[in-house]
Each structure stands twice: as C-alpha cells, then as structure tokens.
Amino acid sequence: MPRSVSRAAIAALFMVTGGSSAIAGPEAVIPADYALVWADEFDGSGLPDDSKWAYDTENNKRGWFNNEQQYYADHRAENARVENGSLIIEARADRADIAKFGDWGQQQYSSARLRTLGKASWTYGAVEVRAKLPCGRGTWPAIWMLADDKTTPWPDSGEIDIMEHVGFDPGKIHFSLHTKNGNFLLHTESTAQKTVSTACTEMHRYQLRWTPTLIVIAVDDQRGFSMKRPSLKRADWPFDGPFHILLNIAIGGDWGGAQGIDPAALPARMEVDYVRVYQKQGS
C-alpha cells in the first residue's frame, strides 16, 4: 500500500498529460451484461467469513510499509467483526492488549487487514464496495487490489486503489494505479481524487470496472478516474492476471500520518455494507 504525500500535484500532472482523467457525470459503472459472481453481504454476526476472507498479518513483527503504526490482528473481534449487517474494521489504541501476541512489533495501535487472497481472485470484471469511512486524523482506510502473483515484486506486479482516504483531509477520495513504470517511488503513479463530503457520515458505493484495455474507478456511478491501457508492455499494464481484494485501516505512516495521529480519533471504524464482484457474462 505504498503512497505519496504529493497526490494533488501528481493528479494534476496526469490529467494534463492524459495518463488518467477525473470525469464528472453519472454512468453505469457496472454494465448490464455483467453478472454477480462473488459477494459478501455481511449478514449475521461474529467474525468475518473464513471461506471468503483471510487476515494479512505477515509484517507485524518487522513493521508495516510506509512507516505505518498499526498491528494487524488475526481473528480478533475488536478489530474485525460482522454486526448489524455490516463488516466493521476498527482501529484501536490498545498497546497493552496487543503486546501479548507473539508477532507484536511494538505497535501502539491495532487494526485489521482483510484480503481474499487464497479464497477468491479475478481477472477483469467490476467491483462495488458500499462503505462508510473513518475521518480522524491519522486514519488511512483503503479498498484496493493486488496481484496474486507473489513471484513478481511490487510495484511491477501492479496495484489498483479503488478508494483511499486520509483523515487529515476529510472527504477527499483518492484513486490510483501502480505499475513498474508508474508508481509513487518514481513520482509517476496514475492518480486522481474526488470530493465526497459525506464519506465519513454516509455509505457510498466505491466502484471499479476493469477490462483488458481500460480501468475506470467511480463513486456512486460518478467517475473519478479512468486510464486506457498505454501499451502492451507489462511494465505499463500488469493488470492481465488474477487480483484479489483488500480492506483495511492503516494508522499513521508517511501519508496517513503526515499531520500526526489524533488520540481522540480512536477507536475509528470503516463500516462495509457489502462487497460485490461482477464479470461479463460468458467470460
């Protein structure tokens, strides 16, 4: 989940050069000929469904990327649970409680990072996630996708950011693609942003349409980002293989913590009403 703090400048660059575009106006992000192929409606209560979600905890001991400050818990209801028809991902300031875990890496905060890796993945299609975001300073929720291919390192393997939000800039939603030739390390990532003033008080639909030649990302059928395939080179377009979905709240980090972490902002929740995946019928 690598990120840069200079998103506005990069977004402006790509809108000028044509690398991506922020486009207003409603559209059917999920075409009529796409069928639902996977979903979690988060009915019931308790821990997330193990047949659909895995917990990403592999960097807890050594520390997470971008100088993030959270510990990602495994099967811990305080950080990830289903209640009242929604998935709750909750970040907490509870150092004393998480210090007992064997993979604890001295973090002050706990959270959860759920992914469908090993459970379900897709090549092309559409994703819709209806969610309400946290807005506290220091929070950094994301809805995103990574390649299943672990033999190719990031960013060569690709990343699709359907939604990112940093709490010090409430209501500003960021969309990005990362590739070998276009990523934050080179200050060349394809990115755009859109203001959603009620992102932290109301549910919104964060949407992706992904084809062999085009990626579109939108909120409530309002396009925020689009990018046409620039070439046949994998360095420019690594999006031709299976990708999985991730949902998480990071705390702090180079971008999310650029203006510090507000202790009063925690606990902080991302509430997810559903996650739905569609693919073109016959594909």
Protein backbone atom coordinates (compact mmCIF):
# COMPACT_ATOMS: atom_id res chain seq x y z
CA MET A 1 0.00 0.00 0.00
CA PRO A 2 2.79 2.45 -0.84
CA ARG A 3 1.71 6.09 -1.13
CA SER A 4 2.98 9.62 -1.69
CA VAL A 5 2.06 12.83 0.13
CA SER A 6 2.08 14.88 -3.08
CA ARG A 7 -1.13 13.48 -4.57
CA ALA A 8 -2.59 16.77 -5.80
CA ALA A 9 0.48 17.61 -7.87
CA ILE A 10 0.66 14.13 -9.37
CA ALA A 11 -3.05 14.09 -10.15
CA ALA A 12 -2.72 17.41 -11.96
CA LEU A 13 0.21 16.08 -13.98
CA PHE A 14 -1.67 13.02 -15.18
CA MET A 15 -4.83 14.94 -16.03
CA VAL A 16 -2.74 17.26 -18.21
CA THR A 17 -0.75 14.51 -19.91
CA GLY A 18 -3.64 12.12 -20.37
CA GLY A 19 -2.31 9.41 -18.08
CA SER A 20 -5.61 9.50 -16.21
CA SER A 21 -8.65 11.71 -16.02
CA ALA A 22 -11.21 12.85 -13.49
CA ILE A 23 -14.55 12.94 -15.26
CA ALA A 24 -17.89 14.12 -13.86
CA GLY A 25 -21.31 12.74 -14.73
CA PRO A 26 -23.30 9.60 -13.91
CA GLU A 27 -22.73 6.37 -15.81
CA ALA A 28 -23.37 2.66 -15.42
CA VAL A 29 -20.01 1.63 -13.99
CA ILE A 30 -21.23 -1.97 -13.83
CA PRO A 31 -22.54 -2.77 -17.32
CA ALA A 32 -25.88 -4.52 -17.81
CA ASP A 33 -24.21 -7.59 -19.31
CA TYR A 34 -22.12 -8.22 -16.17
CA ALA A 35 -23.34 -10.86 -13.72
CA LEU A 36 -22.69 -11.16 -9.98
CA VAL A 37 -20.02 -13.85 -9.43
CA TRP A 38 -18.99 -13.29 -5.78
CA ALA A 39 -20.32 -11.31 -2.83
CA ASP A 40 -20.26 -10.89 0.89
CA GLU A 41 -23.36 -9.13 2.22
CA PHE A 42 -22.14 -9.41 5.84
CA ASP A 43 -25.33 -10.90 7.18
CA GLY A 44 -25.25 -12.48 10.61
CA SER A 45 -22.76 -11.64 13.34
CA GLY A 46 -19.35 -12.63 14.61
CA LEU A 47 -16.01 -12.86 12.86
CA PRO A 48 -15.74 -12.40 9.08
CA ASP A 49 -16.45 -15.48 6.98
CA ASP A 50 -13.27 -17.58 6.80
CA SER A 51 -14.37 -19.06 3.49
CA LYS A 52 -14.17 -15.58 1.95
CA TRP A 53 -11.57 -13.60 3.92
CA ALA A 54 -8.03 -14.14 5.18
CA TYR A 55 -6.08 -11.94 7.58
CA ASP A 56 -2.86 -10.33 6.38
CA THR A 57 -0.51 -10.25 9.37
CA GLU A 58 2.83 -11.14 7.80
CA ASN A 59 4.63 -7.87 8.52
CA ASN A 60 3.50 -7.34 12.10
CA LYS A 61 6.83 -8.24 13.68
CA ARG A 62 9.07 -6.29 11.30
CA GLY A 63 6.65 -3.40 10.87
CA TRP A 64 4.37 -2.38 8.02
CA PHE A 65 5.09 -0.36 4.91
CA ASN A 66 5.34 3.43 4.72
CA ASN A 67 6.22 3.71 8.43
CA GLU A 68 2.63 2.82 9.33
CA GLN A 69 1.97 2.40 13.05
CA GLN A 70 -0.65 -0.38 13.25
CA TYR A 71 -0.58 -4.03 14.25
CA TYR A 72 -2.94 -6.10 12.07
CA ALA A 73 -4.77 -8.64 14.20
CA ASP A 74 -5.82 -12.17 13.26
CA HIS A 75 -9.36 -13.31 14.13
CA ARG A 76 -9.74 -10.59 16.76
CA ALA A 77 -13.30 -9.29 17.06
CA GLU A 78 -12.13 -5.98 18.46
CA ASN A 79 -10.61 -5.23 15.03
CA ALA A 80 -12.80 -7.10 12.52
CA ARG A 81 -16.34 -8.33 13.07
CA VAL A 82 -19.75 -8.52 11.44
CA GLU A 83 -22.64 -6.83 13.19
CA ASN A 84 -25.95 -5.25 12.19
CA GLY A 85 -25.46 -6.19 8.54
CA SER A 86 -22.01 -4.63 8.13
CA LEU A 87 -18.37 -5.58 8.37
CA ILE A 88 -16.68 -3.40 10.99
CA ILE A 89 -12.94 -2.85 10.66
CA GLU A 90 -11.86 -0.97 13.76
CA ALA A 91 -8.53 0.64 14.61
CA ARG A 92 -7.81 0.97 18.33
CA ALA A 93 -5.19 2.41 20.66
CA ASP A 94 -4.61 -0.68 22.80
CA ARG A 95 -0.88 -1.34 23.10
CA ALA A 96 -1.23 -3.19 26.41
CA ASP A 97 -3.69 -5.67 24.92
CA ILE A 98 -1.83 -6.44 21.69
CA ALA A 99 1.58 -6.66 23.38
CA LYS A 100 0.72 -10.22 24.43
CA PHE A 101 0.71 -11.51 20.83
CA GLY A 102 3.81 -13.35 19.62
CA ASP A 103 4.10 -11.37 16.40
CA TRP A 104 3.69 -7.96 18.05
CA GLY A 105 6.17 -5.43 16.71
CA GLN A 106 5.95 -2.71 19.39
CA GLN A 107 2.96 -1.02 17.74
CA GLN A 108 0.73 1.36 19.71
CA TYR A 109 -2.37 0.66 17.62
CA SER A 110 -4.31 -2.37 16.37
CA SER A 111 -6.40 -2.77 13.24
CA ALA A 112 -7.28 -5.40 10.62
CA ARG A 113 -6.29 -6.03 7.02
CA LEU A 114 -8.64 -8.48 5.32
CA ARG A 115 -7.98 -9.95 1.89
CA THR A 116 -9.47 -12.55 -0.44
CA LEU A 117 -6.06 -13.95 -1.38
CA GLY A 118 -6.29 -17.74 -1.43
CA LYS A 119 -10.09 -17.56 -1.24
CA ALA A 120 -11.11 -15.75 -4.44
CA SER A 121 -9.48 -13.67 -7.16
CA TRP A 122 -10.47 -12.35 -10.56
CA THR A 123 -9.09 -11.20 -13.89
CA TYR A 124 -11.22 -8.35 -15.28
CA GLY A 125 -14.72 -7.50 -14.18
CA ALA A 126 -16.26 -4.98 -11.80
CA VAL A 127 -16.14 -4.45 -8.05
CA GLU A 128 -18.53 -2.49 -5.87
CA VAL A 129 -17.97 -1.89 -2.15
CA ARG A 130 -20.51 0.13 -0.16
CA ALA A 131 -18.77 1.66 2.83
CA LYS A 132 -18.61 4.49 5.36
CA LEU A 133 -15.12 5.74 6.21
CA PRO A 134 -13.37 6.99 9.34
CA CYS A 135 -12.27 10.63 9.30
CA GLY A 136 -9.98 11.02 12.30
CA ARG A 137 -6.51 12.49 11.79
CA GLY A 138 -4.04 9.66 11.36
CA THR A 139 -6.52 7.17 9.89
CA TRP A 140 -5.86 5.74 6.42
CA PRO A 141 -8.59 3.36 5.20
CA ALA A 142 -8.33 1.66 1.83
CA ILE A 143 -10.29 -0.55 -0.58
CA TRP A 144 -7.82 -1.94 -3.08
CA MET A 145 -6.49 -4.86 -5.12
CA LEU A 146 -3.15 -6.61 -5.50
CA ALA A 147 -1.93 -9.30 -7.88
CA ASP A 148 -1.97 -12.91 -6.69
CA ASP A 149 1.46 -13.32 -8.32
CA LYS A 150 3.99 -13.22 -5.48
CA THR A 151 6.99 -14.05 -7.70
CA THR A 152 6.94 -10.52 -9.13
CA PRO A 153 7.75 -7.76 -6.64
CA TRP A 154 5.70 -4.63 -6.09
CA PRO A 155 5.19 -2.35 -8.00
CA ASP A 156 5.92 -4.47 -11.08
CA SER A 157 3.02 -6.78 -10.16
CA GLY A 158 0.52 -3.90 -10.10
CA GLU A 159 -1.89 -2.30 -7.65
CA ILE A 160 -5.41 -0.94 -8.09
CA ASP A 161 -6.58 1.53 -5.43
CA ILE A 162 -10.37 1.77 -5.59
CA MET A 163 -10.52 4.06 -2.56
CA GLU A 164 -8.02 5.70 -0.24
CA HIS A 165 -8.77 8.37 2.32
CA VAL A 166 -6.56 10.14 4.84
CA GLY A 167 -8.25 11.53 7.91
CA PHE A 168 -6.45 14.88 7.96
CA ASP A 169 -8.12 15.69 4.62
CA PRO A 170 -11.71 14.54 5.23
CA GLY A 171 -13.97 13.81 2.31
CA LYS A 172 -11.26 13.68 -0.35
CA ILE A 173 -11.22 10.25 -2.03
CA HIS A 174 -8.10 9.12 -3.92
CA PHE A 175 -7.90 6.61 -6.78
CA SER A 176 -4.60 5.26 -8.12
CA LEU A 177 -2.84 2.64 -10.22
CA HIS A 178 0.74 1.50 -9.55
CA THR A 179 2.94 -0.24 -12.12
CA LYS A 180 6.66 -0.71 -12.74
CA ASN A 181 6.79 2.46 -14.85
CA GLY A 182 4.13 4.37 -12.92
CA ASN A 183 4.42 4.38 -9.13
CA PHE A 184 4.99 6.67 -6.18
CA LEU A 185 8.67 5.78 -5.92
CA LEU A 186 9.18 7.41 -9.32
CA HIS A 187 6.52 10.08 -8.66
CA THR A 188 4.76 8.80 -11.79
CA GLU A 189 1.72 6.95 -10.43
CA SER A 190 -1.58 7.42 -12.24
CA THR A 191 -3.92 9.04 -9.73
CA ALA A 192 -6.91 11.33 -9.29
CA GLN A 193 -9.14 12.50 -6.47
CA LYS A 194 -12.77 13.35 -5.89
CA THR A 195 -14.51 15.16 -3.06
CA VAL A 196 -17.25 13.15 -1.32
CA SER A 197 -18.30 15.45 1.51
CA THR A 198 -20.32 12.79 3.36
CA ALA A 199 -17.76 9.98 3.03
CA CYS A 200 -17.46 9.70 6.81
CA THR A 201 -21.13 10.10 7.71
CA GLU A 202 -22.89 8.10 4.99
CA MET A 203 -22.41 4.92 2.98
CA HIS A 204 -21.13 5.35 -0.59
CA ARG A 205 -20.51 2.89 -3.40
CA TYR A 206 -16.84 2.65 -4.40
CA GLN A 207 -16.67 1.07 -7.83
CA LEU A 208 -14.18 -0.39 -10.28
CA ARG A 209 -14.62 -1.53 -13.89
CA TRP A 210 -11.56 -3.38 -15.24
CA THR A 211 -11.18 -4.62 -18.80
CA PRO A 212 -8.14 -5.65 -20.90
CA THR A 213 -7.87 -2.09 -22.22
CA LEU A 214 -9.46 0.25 -19.63
CA ILE A 215 -9.74 0.80 -15.88
CA VAL A 216 -12.50 3.07 -14.52
CA ILE A 217 -12.94 3.92 -10.83
CA ALA A 218 -16.02 5.73 -9.55
CA VAL A 219 -18.08 6.70 -6.52
CA ASP A 220 -21.87 6.27 -6.72
CA ASP A 221 -21.67 5.95 -10.53
CA GLN A 222 -19.74 9.23 -10.76
CA ARG A 223 -16.44 8.56 -12.49
CA GLY A 224 -13.39 9.77 -10.59
CA PHE A 225 -10.58 8.14 -12.55
CA SER A 226 -10.00 6.37 -15.85
CA MET A 227 -6.95 5.07 -17.63
CA LYS A 228 -6.66 3.43 -21.03
CA ARG A 229 -4.01 0.78 -21.50
CA PRO A 230 -0.96 2.78 -22.61
CA SER A 231 0.98 -0.07 -24.23
CA LEU A 232 1.39 -3.83 -24.44
CA LYS A 233 4.35 -3.68 -22.04
CA ARG A 234 3.78 -5.34 -18.68
CA ALA A 235 5.76 -2.51 -17.12
CA ASP A 236 2.93 -0.19 -18.13
CA TRP A 237 -0.01 -2.58 -17.65
CA PRO A 238 0.40 -5.57 -15.32
CA PHE A 239 -3.38 -5.96 -14.99
CA ASP A 240 -3.90 -9.10 -17.09
CA GLY A 241 -3.78 -11.71 -14.33
CA PRO A 242 -5.72 -12.57 -11.16
CA PHE A 243 -6.06 -9.90 -8.47
CA HIS A 244 -7.61 -10.11 -5.01
CA ILE A 245 -9.40 -7.54 -2.83
CA LEU A 246 -8.06 -5.95 0.36
CA LEU A 247 -9.90 -3.93 3.03
CA ASN A 248 -8.01 -2.23 5.84
CA ILE A 249 -7.42 0.78 8.04
CA ALA A 250 -3.80 1.80 8.44
CA ILE A 251 -2.78 4.23 11.17
CA GLY A 252 -0.16 6.91 10.64
CA GLY A 253 2.53 6.36 8.05
CA ASP A 254 4.24 8.69 5.62
CA TRP A 255 0.94 9.86 4.13
CA GLY A 256 -1.77 8.96 6.63
CA GLY A 257 0.29 10.33 9.50
CA ALA A 258 1.69 13.37 7.72
CA GLN A 259 -0.16 15.60 10.20
CA GLY A 260 0.17 13.28 13.17
CA ILE A 261 -2.28 10.91 14.87
CA ASP A 262 -5.14 12.30 16.96
CA PRO A 263 -5.58 10.04 20.02
CA ALA A 264 -9.19 11.20 20.27
CA ALA A 265 -9.88 9.77 16.79
CA LEU A 266 -9.58 6.21 18.09
CA PRO A 267 -11.30 3.84 18.05
CA ALA A 268 -12.04 4.50 14.36
CA ARG A 269 -14.27 2.37 12.16
CA MET A 270 -14.73 1.59 8.49
CA GLU A 271 -18.19 0.10 8.03
CA VAL A 272 -18.71 -2.04 4.93
CA ASP A 273 -22.27 -2.88 3.89
CA TYR A 274 -21.25 -5.28 1.12
CA VAL A 275 -18.54 -6.31 -1.32
CA ARG A 276 -19.74 -7.47 -4.76
CA VAL A 277 -17.82 -8.69 -7.78
CA TYR A 278 -19.25 -8.91 -11.30
CA GLN A 279 -17.92 -10.29 -14.56
CA LYS A 280 -19.13 -10.12 -18.11
CA GLN A 281 -21.48 -12.97 -18.89
CA GLY A 282 -19.83 -15.64 -20.97
CA SER A 283 -16.31 -14.54 -19.96
